[in-house]
Amino acid sequence: RQQDLQKQVKQQEDQCLSHLSNTVRTLTETDQVANATAQKLNQQSEQLNKIEGDIHETNENLRTSEWLLTGLKGFGGRLKNMFGKPPEKSAAPAPERAVSGDGA
């Protein structure tokens, strides 16, 4: 009778340890996935910020091109550009802060 109880206790302990081990493994895998996801989001944020800067630069170039083309459109265009200012360069938008992968 005593041995049966000890055997049952040992089985329960082993089962608990097995469940605990599985839980720790799952948490470790979850942490790894979370870190990889945070890194990917950070990369994508950087890409989006670069794209936004490229769009801003393209819009500036389009405004300058439009102004130059207006000057090429005969006397009226030259006259308009003579008395008007060329498009001013505006500051590029400030990049947004990227996601941190260290949990901070």
PDB file of N, CA and C in Angstrom:
ATOM      1  N   ARG A   1       0.819  -1.206   0.000  1.00  0.00           N
ATOM      2  CA  ARG A   1       0.000   0.000   0.000  1.00  0.00           C
ATOM      3  C   ARG A   1       0.861   1.268   0.000  1.00  0.00           C
ATOM      4  N   GLN A   2       1.886   1.320   0.846  1.00  0.00           N
ATOM      5  CA  GLN A   2       2.790   2.467   0.940  1.00  0.00           C
ATOM      6  C   GLN A   2       3.555   2.652  -0.374  1.00  0.00           C
ATOM      7  N   GLN A   3       3.981   1.530  -0.951  1.00  0.00           N
ATOM      8  CA  GLN A   3       4.718   1.597  -2.214  1.00  0.00           C
ATOM      9  C   GLN A   3       3.828   2.105  -3.345  1.00  0.00           C
ATOM     10  N   ASP A   4       2.583   1.710  -3.350  1.00  0.00           N
ATOM     11  CA  ASP A   4       1.651   2.188  -4.376  1.00  0.00           C
ATOM     12  C   ASP A   4       1.471   3.704  -4.281  1.00  0.00           C
ATOM     13  N   LEU A   5       1.351   4.211  -3.075  1.00  0.00           N
ATOM     14  CA  LEU A   5       1.202   5.657  -2.886  1.00  0.00           C
ATOM     15  C   LEU A   5       2.459   6.397  -3.351  1.00  0.00           C
ATOM     16  N   GLN A   6       3.617   5.856  -2.998  1.00  0.00           N
ATOM     17  CA  GLN A   6       4.869   6.478  -3.413  1.00  0.00           C
ATOM     18  C   GLN A   6       5.004   6.460  -4.940  1.00  0.00           C
ATOM     19  N   LYS A   7       4.570   5.361  -5.537  1.00  0.00           N
ATOM     20  CA  LYS A   7       4.620   5.243  -6.996  1.00  0.00           C
ATOM     21  C   LYS A   7       3.698   6.272  -7.644  1.00  0.00           C
ATOM     22  N   GLN A   8       2.494   6.457  -7.085  1.00  0.00           N
ATOM     23  CA  GLN A   8       1.549   7.443  -7.625  1.00  0.00           C
ATOM     24  C   GLN A   8       2.095   8.866  -7.470  1.00  0.00           C
ATOM     25  N   VAL A   9       2.697   9.129  -6.310  1.00  0.00           N
ATOM     26  CA  VAL A   9       3.282  10.461  -6.074  1.00  0.00           C
ATOM     27  C   VAL A   9       4.412  10.706  -7.085  1.00  0.00           C
ATOM     28  N   LYS A  10       5.230   9.707  -7.291  1.00  0.00           N
ATOM     29  CA  LYS A  10       6.341   9.837  -8.247  1.00  0.00           C
ATOM     30  C   LYS A  10       5.810  10.079  -9.658  1.00  0.00           C
ATOM     31  N   GLN A  11       4.766   9.355 -10.044  1.00  0.00           N
ATOM     32  CA  GLN A  11       4.169   9.554 -11.365  1.00  0.00           C
ATOM     33  C   GLN A  11       3.611  10.973 -11.512  1.00  0.00           C
ATOM     34  N   GLN A  12       2.949  11.460 -10.480  1.00  0.00           N
ATOM     35  CA  GLN A  12       2.401  12.819 -10.505  1.00  0.00           C
ATOM     36  C   GLN A  12       3.527  13.853 -10.599  1.00  0.00           C
ATOM     37  N   GLU A  13       4.596  13.630  -9.857  1.00  0.00           N
ATOM     38  CA  GLU A  13       5.741  14.541  -9.917  1.00  0.00           C
ATOM     39  C   GLU A  13       6.346  14.563 -11.320  1.00  0.00           C
ATOM     40  N   ASP A  14       6.512  13.360 -11.886  1.00  0.00           N
ATOM     41  CA  ASP A  14       7.074  13.253 -13.237  1.00  0.00           C
ATOM     42  C   ASP A  14       6.172  13.948 -14.258  1.00  0.00           C
ATOM     43  N   GLN A  15       4.879  13.754 -14.102  1.00  0.00           N
ATOM     44  CA  GLN A  15       3.932  14.376 -15.015  1.00  0.00           C
ATOM     45  C   GLN A  15       3.975  15.905 -14.880  1.00  0.00           C
ATOM     46  N   CYS A  16       4.036  16.390 -13.652  1.00  0.00           N
ATOM     47  CA  CYS A  16       4.126  17.842 -13.415  1.00  0.00           C
ATOM     48  C   CYS A  16       5.408  18.414 -14.016  1.00  0.00           C
ATOM     49  N   LEU A  17       6.513  17.709 -13.815  1.00  0.00           N
ATOM     50  CA  LEU A  17       7.786  18.164 -14.380  1.00  0.00           C
ATOM     51  C   LEU A  17       7.746  18.178 -15.899  1.00  0.00           C
ATOM     52  N   SER A  18       7.112  17.179 -16.481  1.00  0.00           N
ATOM     53  CA  SER A  18       6.978  17.123 -17.935  1.00  0.00           C
ATOM     54  C   SER A  18       6.152  18.306 -18.449  1.00  0.00           C
ATOM     55  N   HIS A  19       5.034  18.588 -17.774  1.00  0.00           N
ATOM     56  CA  HIS A  19       4.198  19.727 -18.167  1.00  0.00           C
ATOM     57  C   HIS A  19       4.955  21.045 -18.007  1.00  0.00           C
ATOM     58  N   LEU A  20       5.695  21.153 -16.921  1.00  0.00           N
ATOM     59  CA  LEU A  20       6.480  22.357 -16.673  1.00  0.00           C
ATOM     60  C   LEU A  20       7.548  22.539 -17.751  1.00  0.00           C
ATOM     61  N   SER A  21       8.190  21.456 -18.108  1.00  0.00           N
ATOM     62  CA  SER A  21       9.208  21.503 -19.154  1.00  0.00           C
ATOM     63  C   SER A  21       8.600  21.940 -20.489  1.00  0.00           C
ATOM     64  N   ASN A  22       7.432  21.373 -20.816  1.00  0.00           N
ATOM     65  CA  ASN A  22       6.741  21.762 -22.051  1.00  0.00           C
ATOM     66  C   ASN A  22       6.344  23.240 -22.025  1.00  0.00           C
ATOM     67  N   THR A  23       5.906  23.726 -20.869  1.00  0.00           N
ATOM     68  CA  THR A  23       5.520  25.127 -20.738  1.00  0.00           C
ATOM     69  C   THR A  23       6.725  26.043 -20.935  1.00  0.00           C
ATOM     70  N   VAL A  24       7.843  25.682 -20.340  1.00  0.00           N
ATOM     71  CA  VAL A  24       9.064  26.480 -20.496  1.00  0.00           C
ATOM     72  C   VAL A  24       9.506  26.498 -21.955  1.00  0.00           C
ATOM     73  N   ARG A  25       9.442  25.355 -22.621  1.00  0.00           N
ATOM     74  CA  ARG A  25       9.816  25.281 -24.034  1.00  0.00           C
ATOM     75  C   ARG A  25       8.891  26.160 -24.878  1.00  0.00           C
ATOM     76  N   THR A  26       7.590  26.102 -24.596  1.00  0.00           N
ATOM     77  CA  THR A  26       6.630  26.919 -25.333  1.00  0.00           C
ATOM     78  C   THR A  26       6.889  28.409 -25.108  1.00  0.00           C
ATOM     79  N   LEU A  27       7.188  28.781 -23.871  1.00  0.00           N
ATOM     80  CA  LEU A  27       7.489  30.186 -23.576  1.00  0.00           C
ATOM     81  C   LEU A  27       8.752  30.653 -24.289  1.00  0.00           C
ATOM     82  N   THR A  28       9.746  29.794 -24.340  1.00  0.00           N
ATOM     83  CA  THR A  28      10.989  30.134 -25.039  1.00  0.00           C
ATOM     84  C   THR A  28      10.721  30.344 -26.529  1.00  0.00           C
ATOM     85  N   GLU A  29       9.958  29.440 -27.122  1.00  0.00           N
ATOM     86  CA  GLU A  29       9.616  29.577 -28.542  1.00  0.00           C
ATOM     87  C   GLU A  29       8.797  30.837 -28.787  1.00  0.00           C
ATOM     88  N   THR A  30       7.866  31.126 -27.901  1.00  0.00           N
ATOM     89  CA  THR A  30       7.041  32.326 -28.030  1.00  0.00           C
ATOM     90  C   THR A  30       7.901  33.584 -27.961  1.00  0.00           C
ATOM     91  N   ASP A  31       8.858  33.594 -27.052  1.00  0.00           N
ATOM     92  CA  ASP A  31       9.763  34.735 -26.921  1.00  0.00           C
ATOM     93  C   ASP A  31      10.589  34.920 -28.197  1.00  0.00           C
ATOM     94  N   GLN A  32      11.054  33.817 -28.766  1.00  0.00           N
ATOM     95  CA  GLN A  32      11.832  33.890 -30.003  1.00  0.00           C
ATOM     96  C   GLN A  32      10.981  34.447 -31.151  1.00  0.00           C
ATOM     97  N   VAL A  33       9.741  33.997 -31.257  1.00  0.00           N
ATOM     98  CA  VAL A  33       8.843  34.492 -32.300  1.00  0.00           C
ATOM     99  C   VAL A  33       8.559  35.982 -32.092  1.00  0.00           C
ATOM    100  N   ALA A  34       8.349  36.377 -30.830  1.00  0.00           N
ATOM    101  CA  ALA A  34       8.082  37.783 -30.534  1.00  0.00           C
ATOM    102  C   ALA A  34       9.277  38.655 -30.911  1.00  0.00           C
ATOM    103  N   ASN A  35      10.471  38.208 -30.606  1.00  0.00           N
ATOM    104  CA  ASN A  35      11.673  38.970 -30.964  1.00  0.00           C
ATOM    105  C   ASN A  35      11.843  39.066 -32.475  1.00  0.00           C
ATOM    106  N   ALA A  36      11.615  37.967 -33.181  1.00  0.00           N
ATOM    107  CA  ALA A  36      11.721  37.990 -34.641  1.00  0.00           C
ATOM    108  C   ALA A  36      10.677  38.923 -35.241  1.00  0.00           C
ATOM    109  N   THR A  37       9.480  38.907 -34.681  1.00  0.00           N
ATOM    110  CA  THR A  37       8.416  39.787 -35.166  1.00  0.00           C
ATOM    111  C   THR A  37       8.775  41.250 -34.932  1.00  0.00           C
ATOM    112  N   ALA A  38       9.310  41.552 -33.771  1.00  0.00           N
ATOM    113  CA  ALA A  38       9.713  42.931 -33.463  1.00  0.00           C
ATOM    114  C   ALA A  38      10.821  43.396 -34.411  1.00  0.00           C
ATOM    115  N   GLN A  39      11.763  42.527 -34.714  1.00  0.00           N
ATOM    116  CA  GLN A  39      12.831  42.883 -35.651  1.00  0.00           C
ATOM    117  C   GLN A  39      12.264  43.145 -37.039  1.00  0.00           C
ATOM    118  N   LYS A  40      11.336  42.304 -37.470  1.00  0.00           N
ATOM    119  CA  LYS A  40      10.727  42.474 -38.794  1.00  0.00           C
ATOM    120  C   LYS A  40       9.947  43.785 -38.849  1.00  0.00           C
ATOM    121  N   LEU A  41       9.194  44.083 -37.788  1.00  0.00           N
ATOM    122  CA  LEU A  41       8.451  45.346 -37.742  1.00  0.00           C
ATOM    123  C   LEU A  41       9.399  46.536 -37.785  1.00  0.00           C
ATOM    124  N   ASN A  42      10.528  46.439 -37.116  1.00  0.00           N
ATOM    125  CA  ASN A  42      11.518  47.506 -37.130  1.00  0.00           C
ATOM    126  C   ASN A  42      12.052  47.715 -38.546  1.00  0.00           C
ATOM    127  N   GLN A  43      12.370  46.625 -39.236  1.00  0.00           N
ATOM    128  CA  GLN A  43      12.844  46.719 -40.623  1.00  0.00           C
ATOM    129  C   GLN A  43      11.785  47.357 -41.516  1.00  0.00           C
ATOM    130  N   GLN A  44      10.539  46.944 -41.338  1.00  0.00           N
ATOM    131  CA  GLN A  44       9.463  47.485 -42.154  1.00  0.00           C
ATOM    132  C   GLN A  44       9.230  48.963 -41.861  1.00  0.00           C
ATOM    133  N   SER A  45       9.388  49.364 -40.601  1.00  0.00           N
ATOM    134  CA  SER A  45       9.263  50.784 -40.245  1.00  0.00           C
ATOM    135  C   SER A  45      10.347  51.595 -40.943  1.00  0.00           C
ATOM    136  N   GLU A  46      11.562  51.072 -40.946  1.00  0.00           N
ATOM    137  CA  GLU A  46      12.659  51.752 -41.633  1.00  0.00           C
ATOM    138  C   GLU A  46      12.380  51.859 -43.127  1.00  0.00           C
ATOM    139  N   GLN A  47      11.853  50.795 -43.718  1.00  0.00           N
ATOM    140  CA  GLN A  47      11.520  50.824 -45.143  1.00  0.00           C
ATOM    141  C   GLN A  47      10.445  51.874 -45.427  1.00  0.00           C
ATOM    142  N   LEU A  48       9.422  51.910 -44.586  1.00  0.00           N
ATOM    143  CA  LEU A  48       8.346  52.889 -44.780  1.00  0.00           C
ATOM    144  C   LEU A  48       8.866  54.318 -44.637  1.00  0.00           C
ATOM    145  N   ASN A  49       9.755  54.544 -43.688  1.00  0.00           N
ATOM    146  CA  ASN A  49      10.333  55.877 -43.525  1.00  0.00           C
ATOM    147  C   ASN A  49      11.146  56.275 -44.750  1.00  0.00           C
ATOM    148  N   LYS A  50      11.891  55.332 -45.309  1.00  0.00           N
ATOM    149  CA  LYS A  50      12.661  55.620 -46.518  1.00  0.00           C
ATOM    150  C   LYS A  50      11.729  55.906 -47.685  1.00  0.00           C
ATOM    151  N   ILE A  51      10.672  55.126 -47.812  1.00  0.00           N
ATOM    152  CA  ILE A  51       9.702  55.347 -48.887  1.00  0.00           C
ATOM    153  C   ILE A  51       9.076  56.728 -48.747  1.00  0.00           C
ATOM    154  N   GLU A  52       8.730  57.108 -47.516  1.00  0.00           N
ATOM    155  CA  GLU A  52       8.137  58.428 -47.296  1.00  0.00           C
ATOM    156  C   GLU A  52       9.106  59.533 -47.719  1.00  0.00           C
ATOM    157  N   GLY A  53      10.376  59.363 -47.384  1.00  0.00           N
ATOM    158  CA  GLY A  53      11.389  60.339 -47.806  1.00  0.00           C
ATOM    159  C   GLY A  53      11.523  60.385 -49.322  1.00  0.00           C
ATOM    160  N   ASP A  54      11.494  59.219 -49.965  1.00  0.00           N
ATOM    161  CA  ASP A  54      11.579  59.159 -51.427  1.00  0.00           C
ATOM    162  C   ASP A  54      10.377  59.843 -52.077  1.00  0.00           C
ATOM    163  N   ILE A  55       9.198  59.645 -51.505  1.00  0.00           N
ATOM    164  CA  ILE A  55       7.989  60.294 -52.037  1.00  0.00           C
ATOM    165  C   ILE A  55       8.113  61.807 -51.903  1.00  0.00           C
ATOM    166  N   HIS A  56       8.599  62.256 -50.758  1.00  0.00           N
ATOM    167  CA  HIS A  56       8.783  63.690 -50.539  1.00  0.00           C
ATOM    168  C   HIS A  56       9.736  64.265 -51.585  1.00  0.00           C
ATOM    169  N   GLU A  57      10.861  63.580 -51.804  1.00  0.00           N
ATOM    170  CA  GLU A  57      11.841  64.040 -52.788  1.00  0.00           C
ATOM    171  C   GLU A  57      11.246  64.040 -54.200  1.00  0.00           C
ATOM    172  N   THR A  58      10.468  63.017 -54.527  1.00  0.00           N
ATOM    173  CA  THR A  58       9.828  62.954 -55.844  1.00  0.00           C
ATOM    174  C   THR A  58       8.858  64.116 -56.028  1.00  0.00           C
ATOM    175  N   ASN A  59       8.079  64.419 -55.000  1.00  0.00           N
ATOM    176  CA  ASN A  59       7.150  65.549 -55.092  1.00  0.00           C
ATOM    177  C   ASN A  59       7.899  66.863 -55.283  1.00  0.00           C
ATOM    178  N   GLU A  60       9.009  67.028 -54.595  1.00  0.00           N
ATOM    179  CA  GLU A  60       9.836  68.239 -54.769  1.00  0.00           C
ATOM    180  C   GLU A  60      10.333  68.324 -56.213  1.00  0.00           C
ATOM    181  N   ASN A  61      10.804  67.211 -56.739  1.00  0.00           N
ATOM    182  CA  ASN A  61      11.296  67.188 -58.121  1.00  0.00           C
ATOM    183  C   ASN A  61      10.179  67.494 -59.112  1.00  0.00           C
ATOM    184  N   LEU A  62       8.987  66.982 -58.851  1.00  0.00           N
ATOM    185  CA  LEU A  62       7.848  67.259 -59.742  1.00  0.00           C
ATOM    186  C   LEU A  62       7.495  68.745 -59.737  1.00  0.00           C
ATOM    187  N   ARG A  63       7.507  69.380 -58.560  1.00  0.00           N
ATOM    188  CA  ARG A  63       7.209  70.819 -58.486  1.00  0.00           C
ATOM    189  C   ARG A  63       8.255  71.624 -59.249  1.00  0.00           C
ATOM    190  N   THR A  64       9.527  71.251 -59.077  1.00  0.00           N
ATOM    191  CA  THR A  64      10.596  71.946 -59.801  1.00  0.00           C
ATOM    192  C   THR A  64      10.453  71.733 -61.299  1.00  0.00           C
ATOM    193  N   SER A  65      10.159  70.514 -61.716  1.00  0.00           N
ATOM    194  CA  SER A  65       9.981  70.219 -63.141  1.00  0.00           C
ATOM    195  C   SER A  65       8.814  71.009 -63.720  1.00  0.00           C
ATOM    196  N   GLU A  66       7.734  71.074 -62.978  1.00  0.00           N
ATOM    197  CA  GLU A  66       6.567  71.834 -63.443  1.00  0.00           C
ATOM    198  C   GLU A  66       6.927  73.310 -63.612  1.00  0.00           C
ATOM    199  N   TRP A  67       7.675  73.860 -62.687  1.00  0.00           N
ATOM    200  CA  TRP A  67       8.084  75.262 -62.765  1.00  0.00           C
ATOM    201  C   TRP A  67       8.972  75.482 -63.988  1.00  0.00           C
ATOM    202  N   LEU A  68       9.931  74.549 -64.201  1.00  0.00           N
ATOM    203  CA  LEU A  68      10.817  74.669 -65.365  1.00  0.00           C
ATOM    204  C   LEU A  68      10.050  74.546 -66.676  1.00  0.00           C
ATOM    205  N   LEU A  69       9.105  73.603 -66.734  1.00  0.00           N
ATOM    206  CA  LEU A  69       8.313  73.436 -67.960  1.00  0.00           C
ATOM    207  C   LEU A  69       7.448  74.660 -68.245  1.00  0.00           C
ATOM    208  N   THR A  70       6.951  75.272 -67.190  1.00  0.00           N
ATOM    209  CA  THR A  70       6.164  76.500 -67.373  1.00  0.00           C
ATOM    210  C   THR A  70       7.032  77.566 -68.035  1.00  0.00           C
ATOM    211  N   GLY A  71       8.296  77.667 -67.637  1.00  0.00           N
ATOM    212  CA  GLY A  71       9.220  78.636 -68.221  1.00  0.00           C
ATOM    213  C   GLY A  71       9.532  78.350 -69.681  1.00  0.00           C
ATOM    214  N   LEU A  72       9.372  77.110 -70.091  1.00  0.00           N
ATOM    215  CA  LEU A  72       9.641  76.752 -71.492  1.00  0.00           C
ATOM    216  C   LEU A  72       8.433  76.976 -72.402  1.00  0.00           C
ATOM    217  N   LYS A  73       7.291  77.280 -71.822  1.00  0.00           N
ATOM    218  CA  LYS A  73       6.062  77.432 -72.598  1.00  0.00           C
ATOM    219  C   LYS A  73       5.910  78.873 -73.094  1.00  0.00           C
ATOM    220  N   GLY A  74       6.764  79.243 -73.967  1.00  0.00           N
ATOM    221  CA  GLY A  74       6.626  80.546 -74.621  1.00  0.00           C
ATOM    222  C   GLY A  74       6.905  81.723 -73.698  1.00  0.00           C
ATOM    223  N   PHE A  75       6.564  82.902 -74.222  1.00  0.00           N
ATOM    224  CA  PHE A  75       6.856  84.149 -73.536  1.00  0.00           C
ATOM    225  C   PHE A  75       6.106  84.267 -72.207  1.00  0.00           C
ATOM    226  N   GLY A  76       4.847  83.860 -72.188  1.00  0.00           N
ATOM    227  CA  GLY A  76       4.036  83.955 -70.970  1.00  0.00           C
ATOM    228  C   GLY A  76       4.616  83.119 -69.841  1.00  0.00           C
ATOM    229  N   GLY A  77       5.094  81.950 -70.163  1.00  0.00           N
ATOM    230  CA  GLY A  77       5.679  81.079 -69.146  1.00  0.00           C
ATOM    231  C   GLY A  77       6.973  81.647 -68.605  1.00  0.00           C
ATOM    232  N   ARG A  78       7.800  82.186 -69.520  1.00  0.00           N
ATOM    233  CA  ARG A  78       9.057  82.802 -69.074  1.00  0.00           C
ATOM    234  C   ARG A  78       8.775  84.001 -68.187  1.00  0.00           C
ATOM    235  N   LEU A  79       7.786  84.797 -68.595  1.00  0.00           N
ATOM    236  CA  LEU A  79       7.421  85.985 -67.823  1.00  0.00           C
ATOM    237  C   LEU A  79       6.914  85.595 -66.437  1.00  0.00           C
ATOM    238  N   LYS A  80       6.069  84.569 -66.388  1.00  0.00           N
ATOM    239  CA  LYS A  80       5.536  84.093 -65.107  1.00  0.00           C
ATOM    240  C   LYS A  80       6.668  83.642 -64.195  1.00  0.00           C
ATOM    241  N   ASN A  81       7.636  82.893 -64.737  1.00  0.00           N
ATOM    242  CA  ASN A  81       8.742  82.399 -63.932  1.00  0.00           C
ATOM    243  C   ASN A  81       9.696  83.517 -63.531  1.00  0.00           C
ATOM    244  N   MET A  82       9.789  84.565 -64.373  1.00  0.00           N
ATOM    245  CA  MET A  82      10.663  85.688 -64.048  1.00  0.00           C
ATOM    246  C   MET A  82      10.183  86.408 -62.788  1.00  0.00           C
ATOM    247  N   PHE A  83       8.884  86.542 -62.663  1.00  0.00           N
ATOM    248  CA  PHE A  83       8.329  87.275 -61.532  1.00  0.00           C
ATOM    249  C   PHE A  83       7.916  86.356 -60.377  1.00  0.00           C
ATOM    250  N   GLY A  84       7.906  85.106 -60.625  1.00  0.00           N
ATOM    251  CA  GLY A  84       7.584  84.140 -59.569  1.00  0.00           C
ATOM    252  C   GLY A  84       8.850  83.484 -59.057  1.00  0.00           C
ATOM    253  N   LYS A  85       8.765  82.950 -57.898  1.00  0.00           N
ATOM    254  CA  LYS A  85       9.915  82.260 -57.305  1.00  0.00           C
ATOM    255  C   LYS A  85       9.872  80.785 -57.678  1.00  0.00           C
ATOM    256  N   PRO A  86      11.041  80.190 -57.823  1.00  0.00           N
ATOM    257  CA  PRO A  86      11.050  78.735 -58.027  1.00  0.00           C
ATOM    258  C   PRO A  86      10.532  78.049 -56.766  1.00  0.00           C
ATOM    259  N   PRO A  87      10.032  76.839 -56.896  1.00  0.00           N
ATOM    260  CA  PRO A  87       9.522  76.136 -55.713  1.00  0.00           C
ATOM    261  C   PRO A  87      10.627  75.980 -54.669  1.00  0.00           C
ATOM    262  N   GLU A  88      10.243  76.206 -53.426  1.00  0.00           N
ATOM    263  CA  GLU A  88      11.210  76.061 -52.338  1.00  0.00           C
ATOM    264  C   GLU A  88      11.258  74.614 -51.883  1.00  0.00           C
ATOM    265  N   LYS A  89      12.437  74.241 -51.478  1.00  0.00           N
ATOM    266  CA  LYS A  89      12.596  72.890 -50.918  1.00  0.00           C
ATOM    267  C   LYS A  89      12.078  72.918 -49.490  1.00  0.00           C
ATOM    268  N   SER A  90      11.192  72.012 -49.184  1.00  0.00           N
ATOM    269  CA  SER A  90      10.698  71.926 -47.812  1.00  0.00           C
ATOM    270  C   SER A  90      11.424  70.792 -47.097  1.00  0.00           C
ATOM    271  N   ALA A  91      11.405  70.872 -45.798  1.00  0.00           N
ATOM    272  CA  ALA A  91      12.086  69.839 -45.002  1.00  0.00           C
ATOM    273  C   ALA A  91      11.383  68.504 -45.179  1.00  0.00           C
ATOM    274  N   ALA A  92      12.177  67.475 -45.263  1.00  0.00           N
ATOM    275  CA  ALA A  92      11.611  66.120 -45.353  1.00  0.00           C
ATOM    276  C   ALA A  92      10.917  65.792 -44.043  1.00  0.00           C
ATOM    277  N   PRO A  93       9.869  64.997 -44.098  1.00  0.00           N
ATOM    278  CA  PRO A  93       9.179  64.622 -42.858  1.00  0.00           C
ATOM    279  C   PRO A  93      10.113  63.858 -41.925  1.00  0.00           C
ATOM    280  N   ALA A  94       9.969  64.116 -40.645  1.00  0.00           N
ATOM    281  CA  ALA A  94      10.790  63.412 -39.651  1.00  0.00           C
ATOM    282  C   ALA A  94      10.367  61.950 -39.597  1.00  0.00           C
ATOM    283  N   PRO A  95      11.336  61.051 -39.591  1.00  0.00           N
ATOM    284  CA  PRO A  95      10.969  59.624 -39.518  1.00  0.00           C
ATOM    285  C   PRO A  95      10.356  59.314 -38.165  1.00  0.00           C
ATOM    286  N   GLU A  96       9.397  58.394 -38.188  1.00  0.00           N
ATOM    287  CA  GLU A  96       8.784  57.957 -36.930  1.00  0.00           C
ATOM    288  C   GLU A  96       9.740  57.009 -36.234  1.00  0.00           C
ATOM    289  N   ARG A  97       9.585  56.930 -34.924  1.00  0.00           N
ATOM    290  CA  ARG A  97      10.436  56.037 -34.134  1.00  0.00           C
ATOM    291  C   ARG A  97      10.117  54.585 -34.463  1.00  0.00           C
ATOM    292  N   ALA A  98      11.150  53.811 -34.689  1.00  0.00           N
ATOM    293  CA  ALA A  98      10.965  52.389 -35.012  1.00  0.00           C
ATOM    294  C   ALA A  98      10.631  51.604 -33.754  1.00  0.00           C
ATOM    295  N   VAL A  99      10.047  50.440 -33.952  1.00  0.00           N
ATOM    296  CA  VAL A  99       9.686  49.544 -32.858  1.00  0.00           C
ATOM    297  C   VAL A  99      10.954  48.932 -32.295  1.00  0.00           C
ATOM    298  N   SER A 100      11.055  48.896 -30.980  1.00  0.00           N
ATOM    299  CA  SER A 100      12.231  48.312 -30.329  1.00  0.00           C
ATOM    300  C   SER A 100      12.014  46.824 -30.116  1.00  0.00           C
ATOM    301  N   GLY A 101      13.042  46.035 -30.399  1.00  0.00           N
ATOM    302  CA  GLY A 101      12.925  44.583 -30.239  1.00  0.00           C
ATOM    303  C   GLY A 101      13.361  44.082 -28.885  1.00  0.00           C
ATOM    304  N   ASP A 102      13.724  45.004 -27.961  1.00  0.00           N
ATOM    305  CA  ASP A 102      14.225  44.556 -26.658  1.00  0.00           C
ATOM    306  C   ASP A 102      13.188  44.638 -25.555  1.00  0.00           C
ATOM    307  N   GLY A 103      11.940  44.863 -25.916  1.00  0.00           N
ATOM    308  CA  GLY A 103      10.868  44.894 -24.918  1.00  0.00           C
ATOM    309  C   GLY A 103      10.758  46.222 -24.214  1.00  0.00           C
ATOM    310  N   ALA A 104      11.568  47.210 -24.594  1.00  0.00           N
ATOM    311  CA  ALA A 104      11.516  48.531 -23.952  1.00  0.00           C
ATOM    312  C   ALA A 104      10.493  49.418 -24.598  1.00  0.00           C
TER     313      ALA A 104
END
